[in-house]
Amino acid sequence: MGCGVESHALSTYRTSVTLAERLGAAFVDDLPGEHTGFVDHPTEFAEALRVVLR
């Protein structure tokens, strides 16, 4: 589970953190952008996602 670096102020950020904790899943919060970082920063997002998935 992950969120963008600009998402920390969004109400969905804490929800995502809590869900990851309850599922025992890893949480990544340094992806580029906000809620739609994959749209706003596609190249940077793809590069960051590749690192996370390795």
PDB file of N, CA and C in Angstrom:
ATOM      1  N   MET A   1       0.856  -1.159   0.000  1.00  0.00           N
ATOM      2  CA  MET A   1       0.000   0.000   0.000  1.00  0.00           C
ATOM      3  C   MET A   1       0.901   1.220   0.000  1.00  0.00           C
ATOM      4  N   GLY A   2       0.457   2.272  -0.679  1.00  0.00           N
ATOM      5  CA  GLY A   2       1.298   3.442  -0.740  1.00  0.00           C
ATOM      6  C   GLY A   2       0.539   4.736  -0.970  1.00  0.00           C
ATOM      7  N   CYS A   3       1.215   5.821  -0.678  1.00  0.00           N
ATOM      8  CA  CYS A   3       0.670   7.169  -0.862  1.00  0.00           C
ATOM      9  C   CYS A   3       1.779   8.086  -1.352  1.00  0.00           C
ATOM     10  N   GLY A   4       1.362   9.170  -1.949  1.00  0.00           N
ATOM     11  CA  GLY A   4       2.320  10.163  -2.419  1.00  0.00           C
ATOM     12  C   GLY A   4       2.824  11.037  -1.294  1.00  0.00           C
ATOM     13  N   VAL A   5       3.977  11.632  -1.523  1.00  0.00           N
ATOM     14  CA  VAL A   5       4.586  12.497  -0.508  1.00  0.00           C
ATOM     15  C   VAL A   5       3.741  13.734  -0.220  1.00  0.00           C
ATOM     16  N   GLU A   6       2.900  14.124  -1.162  1.00  0.00           N
ATOM     17  CA  GLU A   6       2.040  15.287  -0.969  1.00  0.00           C
ATOM     18  C   GLU A   6       0.654  14.900  -0.437  1.00  0.00           C
ATOM     19  N   SER A   7       0.479  13.637  -0.059  1.00  0.00           N
ATOM     20  CA  SER A   7      -0.827  13.141   0.392  1.00  0.00           C
ATOM     21  C   SER A   7      -1.021  13.172   1.903  1.00  0.00           C
ATOM     22  N   HIS A   8       0.005  13.519   2.635  1.00  0.00           N
ATOM     23  CA  HIS A   8      -0.056  13.406   4.096  1.00  0.00           C
ATOM     24  C   HIS A   8      -1.166  14.242   4.724  1.00  0.00           C
ATOM     25  N   ALA A   9      -1.582  15.304   4.083  1.00  0.00           N
ATOM     26  CA  ALA A   9      -2.643  16.153   4.640  1.00  0.00           C
ATOM     27  C   ALA A   9      -4.042  15.677   4.252  1.00  0.00           C
ATOM     28  N   LEU A  10      -4.132  14.719   3.349  1.00  0.00           N
ATOM     29  CA  LEU A  10      -5.445  14.225   2.911  1.00  0.00           C
ATOM     30  C   LEU A  10      -6.049  13.294   3.954  1.00  0.00           C
ATOM     31  N   SER A  11      -7.355  13.282   4.042  1.00  0.00           N
ATOM     32  CA  SER A  11      -8.027  12.400   5.009  1.00  0.00           C
ATOM     33  C   SER A  11      -7.792  10.932   4.674  1.00  0.00           C
ATOM     34  N   THR A  12      -7.559  10.621   3.425  1.00  0.00           N
ATOM     35  CA  THR A  12      -7.336   9.227   3.032  1.00  0.00           C
ATOM     36  C   THR A  12      -5.959   8.708   3.439  1.00  0.00           C
ATOM     37  N   TYR A  13      -5.054   9.596   3.772  1.00  0.00           N
ATOM     38  CA  TYR A  13      -3.710   9.156   4.164  1.00  0.00           C
ATOM     39  C   TYR A  13      -3.762   8.303   5.423  1.00  0.00           C
ATOM     40  N   ARG A  14      -4.373   8.827   6.460  1.00  0.00           N
ATOM     41  CA  ARG A  14      -4.435   8.083   7.727  1.00  0.00           C
ATOM     42  C   ARG A  14      -5.221   6.784   7.565  1.00  0.00           C
ATOM     43  N   THR A  15      -6.258   6.810   6.751  1.00  0.00           N
ATOM     44  CA  THR A  15      -7.036   5.604   6.478  1.00  0.00           C
ATOM     45  C   THR A  15      -6.147   4.543   5.830  1.00  0.00           C
ATOM     46  N   SER A  16      -5.335   4.958   4.888  1.00  0.00           N
ATOM     47  CA  SER A  16      -4.437   4.024   4.201  1.00  0.00           C
ATOM     48  C   SER A  16      -3.393   3.447   5.146  1.00  0.00           C
ATOM     49  N   VAL A  17      -2.838   4.296   6.003  1.00  0.00           N
ATOM     50  CA  VAL A  17      -1.859   3.828   6.983  1.00  0.00           C
ATOM     51  C   VAL A  17      -2.496   2.800   7.914  1.00  0.00           C
ATOM     52  N   THR A  18      -3.676   3.093   8.403  1.00  0.00           N
ATOM     53  CA  THR A  18      -4.377   2.192   9.319  1.00  0.00           C
ATOM     54  C   THR A  18      -4.712   0.870   8.646  1.00  0.00           C
ATOM     55  N   LEU A  19      -5.181   0.920   7.409  1.00  0.00           N
ATOM     56  CA  LEU A  19      -5.512  -0.305   6.688  1.00  0.00           C
ATOM     57  C   LEU A  19      -4.273  -1.172   6.503  1.00  0.00           C
ATOM     58  N   ALA A  20      -3.172  -0.572   6.114  1.00  0.00           N
ATOM     59  CA  ALA A  20      -1.926  -1.331   5.951  1.00  0.00           C
ATOM     60  C   ALA A  20      -1.511  -1.982   7.264  1.00  0.00           C
ATOM     61  N   GLU A  21      -1.609  -1.233   8.353  1.00  0.00           N
ATOM     62  CA  GLU A  21      -1.260  -1.783   9.668  1.00  0.00           C
ATOM     63  C   GLU A  21      -2.138  -2.972  10.019  1.00  0.00           C
ATOM     64  N   ARG A  22      -3.424  -2.845   9.817  1.00  0.00           N
ATOM     65  CA  ARG A  22      -4.367  -3.924  10.170  1.00  0.00           C
ATOM     66  C   ARG A  22      -4.202  -5.157   9.288  1.00  0.00           C
ATOM     67  N   LEU A  23      -3.764  -4.939   8.049  1.00  0.00           N
ATOM     68  CA  LEU A  23      -3.534  -6.066   7.152  1.00  0.00           C
ATOM     69  C   LEU A  23      -2.142  -6.650   7.304  1.00  0.00           C
ATOM     70  N   GLY A  24      -1.288  -5.969   8.068  1.00  0.00           N
ATOM     71  CA  GLY A  24       0.090  -6.408   8.217  1.00  0.00           C
ATOM     72  C   GLY A  24       0.883  -6.202   6.942  1.00  0.00           C
ATOM     73  N   ALA A  25       0.475  -5.213   6.160  1.00  0.00           N
ATOM     74  CA  ALA A  25       1.116  -4.930   4.881  1.00  0.00           C
ATOM     75  C   ALA A  25       2.122  -3.792   5.020  1.00  0.00           C
ATOM     76  N   ALA A  26       3.070  -3.793   4.124  1.00  0.00           N
ATOM     77  CA  ALA A  26       4.033  -2.696   4.078  1.00  0.00           C
ATOM     78  C   ALA A  26       3.330  -1.430   3.591  1.00  0.00           C
ATOM     79  N   PHE A  27       3.833  -0.279   4.022  1.00  0.00           N
ATOM     80  CA  PHE A  27       3.271   0.997   3.601  1.00  0.00           C
ATOM     81  C   PHE A  27       4.392   1.889   3.105  1.00  0.00           C
ATOM     82  N   VAL A  28       4.227   2.425   1.911  1.00  0.00           N
ATOM     83  CA  VAL A  28       5.208   3.303   1.286  1.00  0.00           C
ATOM     84  C   VAL A  28       4.578   4.679   1.169  1.00  0.00           C
ATOM     85  N   ASP A  29       5.234   5.698   1.698  1.00  0.00           N
ATOM     86  CA  ASP A  29       4.648   7.043   1.626  1.00  0.00           C
ATOM     87  C   ASP A  29       5.588   8.060   0.977  1.00  0.00           C
ATOM     88  N   ASP A  30       6.456   7.562   0.117  1.00  0.00           N
ATOM     89  CA  ASP A  30       7.369   8.483  -0.544  1.00  0.00           C
ATOM     90  C   ASP A  30       7.247   8.444  -2.068  1.00  0.00           C
ATOM     91  N   LEU A  31       6.075   8.061  -2.548  1.00  0.00           N
ATOM     92  CA  LEU A  31       5.840   8.089  -3.995  1.00  0.00           C
ATOM     93  C   LEU A  31       5.600   9.535  -4.432  1.00  0.00           C
ATOM     94  N   PRO A  32       5.978   9.875  -5.653  1.00  0.00           N
ATOM     95  CA  PRO A  32       5.811  11.257  -6.120  1.00  0.00           C
ATOM     96  C   PRO A  32       4.344  11.686  -6.190  1.00  0.00           C
ATOM     97  N   GLY A  33       4.108  12.941  -5.865  1.00  0.00           N
ATOM     98  CA  GLY A  33       2.787  13.524  -6.048  1.00  0.00           C
ATOM     99  C   GLY A  33       1.842  13.362  -4.887  1.00  0.00           C
ATOM    100  N   GLU A  34       0.591  13.588  -5.202  1.00  0.00           N
ATOM    101  CA  GLU A  34      -0.486  13.495  -4.214  1.00  0.00           C
ATOM    102  C   GLU A  34      -1.317  12.258  -4.545  1.00  0.00           C
ATOM    103  N   HIS A  35      -2.616  12.386  -4.541  1.00  0.00           N
ATOM    104  CA  HIS A  35      -3.520  11.256  -4.775  1.00  0.00           C
ATOM    105  C   HIS A  35      -3.383  10.694  -6.186  1.00  0.00           C
ATOM    106  N   THR A  36      -3.090  11.526  -7.148  1.00  0.00           N
ATOM    107  CA  THR A  36      -2.952  11.068  -8.532  1.00  0.00           C
ATOM    108  C   THR A  36      -1.530  11.282  -9.039  1.00  0.00           C
ATOM    109  N   GLY A  37      -0.564  10.941  -8.238  1.00  0.00           N
ATOM    110  CA  GLY A  37       0.827  11.109  -8.620  1.00  0.00           C
ATOM    111  C   GLY A  37       1.190  10.360  -9.885  1.00  0.00           C
ATOM    112  N   PHE A  38       0.551   9.226 -10.114  1.00  0.00           N
ATOM    113  CA  PHE A  38       0.824   8.452 -11.319  1.00  0.00           C
ATOM    114  C   PHE A  38       0.362   9.180 -12.579  1.00  0.00           C
ATOM    115  N   VAL A  39      -0.577  10.118 -12.435  1.00  0.00           N
ATOM    116  CA  VAL A  39      -1.049  10.923 -13.565  1.00  0.00           C
ATOM    117  C   VAL A  39      -0.224  12.206 -13.676  1.00  0.00           C
ATOM    118  N   ASP A  40      -0.010  12.860 -12.555  1.00  0.00           N
ATOM    119  CA  ASP A  40       0.691  14.150 -12.533  1.00  0.00           C
ATOM    120  C   ASP A  40       2.197  14.032 -12.739  1.00  0.00           C
ATOM    121  N   HIS A  41       2.777  12.930 -12.294  1.00  0.00           N
ATOM    122  CA  HIS A  41       4.234  12.704 -12.377  1.00  0.00           C
ATOM    123  C   HIS A  41       4.507  11.273 -12.857  1.00  0.00           C
ATOM    124  N   PRO A  42       4.054  10.904 -14.046  1.00  0.00           N
ATOM    125  CA  PRO A  42       4.118   9.503 -14.475  1.00  0.00           C
ATOM    126  C   PRO A  42       5.526   8.912 -14.520  1.00  0.00           C
ATOM    127  N   THR A  43       6.496   9.654 -15.009  1.00  0.00           N
ATOM    128  CA  THR A  43       7.852   9.111 -15.109  1.00  0.00           C
ATOM    129  C   THR A  43       8.457   8.896 -13.736  1.00  0.00           C
ATOM    130  N   GLU A  44       8.365   9.912 -12.886  1.00  0.00           N
ATOM    131  CA  GLU A  44       8.918   9.802 -11.533  1.00  0.00           C
ATOM    132  C   GLU A  44       8.195   8.723 -10.731  1.00  0.00           C
ATOM    133  N   PHE A  45       6.867   8.645 -10.908  1.00  0.00           N
ATOM    134  CA  PHE A  45       6.081   7.640 -10.193  1.00  0.00           C
ATOM    135  C   PHE A  45       6.508   6.238 -10.623  1.00  0.00           C
ATOM    136  N   ALA A  46       6.656   6.027 -11.922  1.00  0.00           N
ATOM    137  CA  ALA A  46       7.066   4.714 -12.427  1.00  0.00           C
ATOM    138  C   ALA A  46       8.436   4.319 -11.890  1.00  0.00           C
ATOM    139  N   GLU A  47       9.359   5.260 -11.863  1.00  0.00           N
ATOM    140  CA  GLU A  47      10.700   4.973 -11.339  1.00  0.00           C
ATOM    141  C   GLU A  47      10.642   4.590  -9.861  1.00  0.00           C
ATOM    142  N   ALA A  48       9.863   5.339  -9.077  1.00  0.00           N
ATOM    143  CA  ALA A  48       9.736   5.051  -7.646  1.00  0.00           C
ATOM    144  C   ALA A  48       9.052   3.712  -7.418  1.00  0.00           C
ATOM    145  N   LEU A  49       8.046   3.406  -8.225  1.00  0.00           N
ATOM    146  CA  LEU A  49       7.322   2.145  -8.088  1.00  0.00           C
ATOM    147  C   LEU A  49       8.234   0.962  -8.414  1.00  0.00           C
ATOM    148  N   ARG A  50       9.068   1.102  -9.407  1.00  0.00           N
ATOM    149  CA  ARG A  50      10.024   0.045  -9.729  1.00  0.00           C
ATOM    150  C   ARG A  50      10.924  -0.266  -8.530  1.00  0.00           C
ATOM    151  N   VAL A  51      11.367   0.774  -7.852  1.00  0.00           N
ATOM    152  CA  VAL A  51      12.227   0.578  -6.672  1.00  0.00           C
ATOM    153  C   VAL A  51      11.459  -0.166  -5.582  1.00  0.00           C
ATOM    154  N   VAL A  52      10.220   0.232  -5.349  1.00  0.00           N
ATOM    155  CA  VAL A  52       9.403  -0.389  -4.298  1.00  0.00           C
ATOM    156  C   VAL A  52       9.145  -1.863  -4.608  1.00  0.00           C
ATOM    157  N   LEU A  53       8.908  -2.179  -5.856  1.00  0.00           N
ATOM    158  CA  LEU A  53       8.563  -3.557  -6.232  1.00  0.00           C
ATOM    159  C   LEU A  53       9.767  -4.494  -6.302  1.00  0.00           C
ATOM    160  N   ARG A  54      10.962  -3.948  -6.266  1.00  0.00           N
ATOM    161  CA  ARG A  54      12.167  -4.815  -6.292  1.00  0.00           C
ATOM    162  C   ARG A  54      12.362  -5.524  -5.010  1.00  0.00           C
TER     163      ARG A  54
END
